[in-house]
Amino acid sequence: QVQLVESGGGLVQAGGSLRLSCAASESIFSINAMGWYRQAPGKQRELVARITSGGRTNYADSAKGRFTISRDNAKNTVYLIMNSLKPEDTAVYYCNAERPWRDYWGQGTQVTVSS
C-alpha cells in the first residue's frame, strides 16, 4: 500500500506563500490521480487541487489563480504551491492518492495563515 508523508506546512502571514510536498513510498507514475485536500476545524474535508497521471489538473474555486499542483514522478512527490494565502486557508492539508480499489491518505500538515 502507498504511504504518503506531507511536509511544508507552517505559520505564515496573509499574503505569504508556502510549498507543500507529499512524498510517496512507491512510484506514483501509475497512480490514477494525486490530490490535496484540507480540513478546517468544524468543517468537512474538501478538495483543494488534484492532478491525474496524465497531468490534468483541477482546482477548488477558492484555490484557482493562487495555488498550483504539480507532480514529479521521478521523485515520487506531489507539490502544492500556495500563493496569496488568506486566513481562510487555515486548515490541515492532506495528500491523497487514488487507486481503483481505494484511496490513500497522509497524516496531514497544518497550515496557519495569520491576518
C-alpha atoms as a PDB file:
ATOM      1  CA  GLN A   1       0.000   0.000   0.000  1.00  0.00           C
ATOM      2  CA  VAL A   2       1.051   3.573  -0.621  1.00  0.00           C
ATOM      3  CA  GLN A   3       2.352   5.614   2.292  1.00  0.00           C
ATOM      4  CA  LEU A   4       2.206   9.381   1.948  1.00  0.00           C
ATOM      5  CA  VAL A   5       4.158  11.899   4.003  1.00  0.00           C
ATOM      6  CA  GLU A   6       3.312  15.585   3.820  1.00  0.00           C
ATOM      7  CA  SER A   7       5.662  18.406   4.736  1.00  0.00           C
ATOM      8  CA  GLY A   8       5.984  22.142   4.282  1.00  0.00           C
ATOM      9  CA  GLY A   9       3.168  23.423   6.435  1.00  0.00           C
ATOM     10  CA  GLY A  10       3.601  26.165   8.969  1.00  0.00           C
ATOM     11  CA  LEU A  11       2.607  29.623  10.093  1.00  0.00           C
ATOM     12  CA  VAL A  12       2.571  32.387   7.511  1.00  0.00           C
ATOM     13  CA  GLN A  13       1.155  35.882   7.317  1.00  0.00           C
ATOM     14  CA  ALA A  14      -1.695  36.727   4.989  1.00  0.00           C
ATOM     15  CA  GLY A  15      -0.377  37.339   1.505  1.00  0.00           C
ATOM     16  CA  GLY A  16       2.509  34.953   2.001  1.00  0.00           C
ATOM     17  CA  SER A  17       3.367  31.699   0.289  1.00  0.00           C
ATOM     18  CA  LEU A  18       4.041  28.085   1.189  1.00  0.00           C
ATOM     19  CA  ARG A  19       5.035  24.984  -0.723  1.00  0.00           C
ATOM     20  CA  LEU A  20       3.645  21.696   0.475  1.00  0.00           C
ATOM     21  CA  SER A  21       5.271  18.416  -0.502  1.00  0.00           C
ATOM     22  CA  CYS A  22       3.852  14.906  -0.473  1.00  0.00           C
ATOM     23  CA  ALA A  23       6.370  12.097  -0.711  1.00  0.00           C
ATOM     24  CA  ALA A  24       5.047   8.669  -1.662  1.00  0.00           C
ATOM     25  CA  SER A  25       6.599   5.377  -0.590  1.00  0.00           C
ATOM     26  CA  GLU A  26       6.412   3.976  -4.099  1.00  0.00           C
ATOM     27  CA  SER A  27       6.210   5.090  -7.684  1.00  0.00           C
ATOM     28  CA  ILE A  28       3.352   7.485  -8.356  1.00  0.00           C
ATOM     29  CA  PHE A  29       3.672   7.015 -12.107  1.00  0.00           C
ATOM     30  CA  SER A  30       0.779   4.575 -12.246  1.00  0.00           C
ATOM     31  CA  ILE A  31      -1.398   6.177  -9.590  1.00  0.00           C
ATOM     32  CA  ASN A  32      -4.619   7.423 -11.186  1.00  0.00           C
ATOM     33  CA  ALA A  33      -4.540  10.796  -9.515  1.00  0.00           C
ATOM     34  CA  MET A  34      -2.928  12.627  -6.641  1.00  0.00           C
ATOM     35  CA  GLY A  35      -4.614  15.388  -4.744  1.00  0.00           C
ATOM     36  CA  TRP A  36      -4.501  17.842  -1.894  1.00  0.00           C
ATOM     37  CA  TYR A  37      -7.435  18.184   0.455  1.00  0.00           C
ATOM     38  CA  ARG A  38      -7.896  20.330   3.508  1.00  0.00           C
ATOM     39  CA  GLN A  39      -9.991  20.294   6.627  1.00  0.00           C
ATOM     40  CA  ALA A  40     -10.578  23.309   8.813  1.00  0.00           C
ATOM     41  CA  PRO A  41     -11.898  22.966  12.377  1.00  0.00           C
ATOM     42  CA  GLY A  42     -15.594  22.157  12.378  1.00  0.00           C
ATOM     43  CA  LYS A  43     -15.707  21.721   8.622  1.00  0.00           C
ATOM     44  CA  GLN A  44     -15.703  18.797   6.237  1.00  0.00           C
ATOM     45  CA  ARG A  45     -12.630  17.795   4.321  1.00  0.00           C
ATOM     46  CA  GLU A  46     -12.636  19.423   0.893  1.00  0.00           C
ATOM     47  CA  LEU A  47     -10.697  19.072  -2.318  1.00  0.00           C
ATOM     48  CA  VAL A  48      -8.138  21.796  -2.950  1.00  0.00           C
ATOM     49  CA  ALA A  49      -6.377  20.544  -6.075  1.00  0.00           C
ATOM     50  CA  ARG A  50      -5.972  17.314  -7.999  1.00  0.00           C
ATOM     51  CA  ILE A  51      -3.662  16.118 -10.750  1.00  0.00           C
ATOM     52  CA  THR A  52      -4.127  12.996 -12.848  1.00  0.00           C
ATOM     53  CA  SER A  53      -1.453  10.622 -14.099  1.00  0.00           C
ATOM     54  CA  GLY A  54      -1.787  12.381 -17.437  1.00  0.00           C
ATOM     55  CA  GLY A  55      -1.129  15.768 -15.892  1.00  0.00           C
ATOM     56  CA  ARG A  56      -4.641  17.175 -15.979  1.00  0.00           C
ATOM     57  CA  THR A  57      -5.411  19.412 -13.052  1.00  0.00           C
ATOM     58  CA  ASN A  58      -8.499  20.727 -11.360  1.00  0.00           C
ATOM     59  CA  TYR A  59      -8.843  23.170  -8.500  1.00  0.00           C
ATOM     60  CA  ALA A  60     -11.400  24.281  -5.995  1.00  0.00           C
ATOM     61  CA  ASP A  61     -12.764  27.700  -6.858  1.00  0.00           C
ATOM     62  CA  SER A  62     -11.082  29.071  -3.742  1.00  0.00           C
ATOM     63  CA  ALA A  63      -7.701  27.851  -4.998  1.00  0.00           C
ATOM     64  CA  LYS A  64      -7.874  28.914  -8.636  1.00  0.00           C
ATOM     65  CA  GLY A  65      -5.324  31.530  -9.542  1.00  0.00           C
ATOM     66  CA  ARG A  66      -3.471  31.185  -6.244  1.00  0.00           C
ATOM     67  CA  PHE A  67      -2.490  27.527  -5.874  1.00  0.00           C
ATOM     68  CA  THR A  68      -0.600  25.264  -8.255  1.00  0.00           C
ATOM     69  CA  ILE A  69      -0.374  21.489  -8.031  1.00  0.00           C
ATOM     70  CA  SER A  70       2.399  19.566  -9.746  1.00  0.00           C
ATOM     71  CA  ARG A  71       3.932  16.111  -9.663  1.00  0.00           C
ATOM     72  CA  ASP A  72       7.472  14.859 -10.081  1.00  0.00           C
ATOM     73  CA  ASN A  73       7.208  11.202 -10.983  1.00  0.00           C
ATOM     74  CA  ALA A  74      10.973  10.739 -10.751  1.00  0.00           C
ATOM     75  CA  LYS A  75      10.891  11.836  -7.102  1.00  0.00           C
ATOM     76  CA  ASN A  76       7.522  10.233  -6.303  1.00  0.00           C
ATOM     77  CA  THR A  77       6.447  13.609  -4.976  1.00  0.00           C
ATOM     78  CA  VAL A  78       3.485  15.910  -5.434  1.00  0.00           C
ATOM     79  CA  TYR A  79       3.659  19.597  -4.629  1.00  0.00           C
ATOM     80  CA  LEU A  80       1.180  22.306  -3.828  1.00  0.00           C
ATOM     81  CA  ILE A  81       2.430  25.847  -4.207  1.00  0.00           C
ATOM     82  CA  MET A  82       0.177  28.266  -2.379  1.00  0.00           C
ATOM     83  CA  ASN A  83       0.438  31.996  -3.023  1.00  0.00           C
ATOM     84  CA  SER A  84      -1.531  34.963  -1.720  1.00  0.00           C
ATOM     85  CA  LEU A  85      -2.577  32.985   1.311  1.00  0.00           C
ATOM     86  CA  LYS A  86      -5.606  34.100   3.279  1.00  0.00           C
ATOM     87  CA  PRO A  87      -6.675  33.401   6.864  1.00  0.00           C
ATOM     88  CA  GLU A  88      -9.472  31.234   5.486  1.00  0.00           C
ATOM     89  CA  ASP A  89      -6.849  28.911   4.016  1.00  0.00           C
ATOM     90  CA  THR A  90      -6.002  27.835   7.555  1.00  0.00           C
ATOM     91  CA  ALA A  91      -6.529  24.079   7.796  1.00  0.00           C
ATOM     92  CA  VAL A  92      -4.839  20.720   7.965  1.00  0.00           C
ATOM     93  CA  TYR A  93      -3.789  19.792   4.444  1.00  0.00           C
ATOM     94  CA  TYR A  94      -3.853  16.141   3.431  1.00  0.00           C
ATOM     95  CA  CYS A  95      -2.278  14.384   0.498  1.00  0.00           C
ATOM     96  CA  ASN A  96      -4.383  11.805  -1.316  1.00  0.00           C
ATOM     97  CA  ALA A  97      -3.558   9.043  -3.783  1.00  0.00           C
ATOM     98  CA  GLU A  98      -6.317   7.435  -5.836  1.00  0.00           C
ATOM     99  CA  ARG A  99      -6.132   3.801  -6.814  1.00  0.00           C
ATOM    100  CA  PRO A 100      -9.080   1.984  -8.425  1.00  0.00           C
ATOM    101  CA  TRP A 101      -9.674  -0.078  -5.298  1.00  0.00           C
ATOM    102  CA  ARG A 102      -9.125   2.558  -2.607  1.00  0.00           C
ATOM    103  CA  ASP A 103      -7.742   5.933  -1.655  1.00  0.00           C
ATOM    104  CA  TYR A 104      -4.667   6.513   0.472  1.00  0.00           C
ATOM    105  CA  TRP A 105      -4.123   9.459   2.808  1.00  0.00           C
ATOM    106  CA  GLY A 106      -1.205  11.102   4.504  1.00  0.00           C
ATOM    107  CA  GLN A 107      -1.202  12.228   8.114  1.00  0.00           C
ATOM    108  CA  GLY A 108      -1.685  15.886   7.227  1.00  0.00           C
ATOM    109  CA  THR A 109       0.291  19.072   7.681  1.00  0.00           C
ATOM    110  CA  GLN A 110      -1.005  22.167   9.448  1.00  0.00           C
ATOM    111  CA  VAL A 111      -1.180  25.452   7.569  1.00  0.00           C
ATOM    112  CA  THR A 112      -1.983  28.540   9.617  1.00  0.00           C
ATOM    113  CA  VAL A 113      -2.399  31.936   7.999  1.00  0.00           C
ATOM    114  CA  SER A 114      -2.423  34.913  10.328  1.00  0.00           C
ATOM    115  CA  SER A 115      -4.167  38.158   9.465  1.00  0.00           C
END
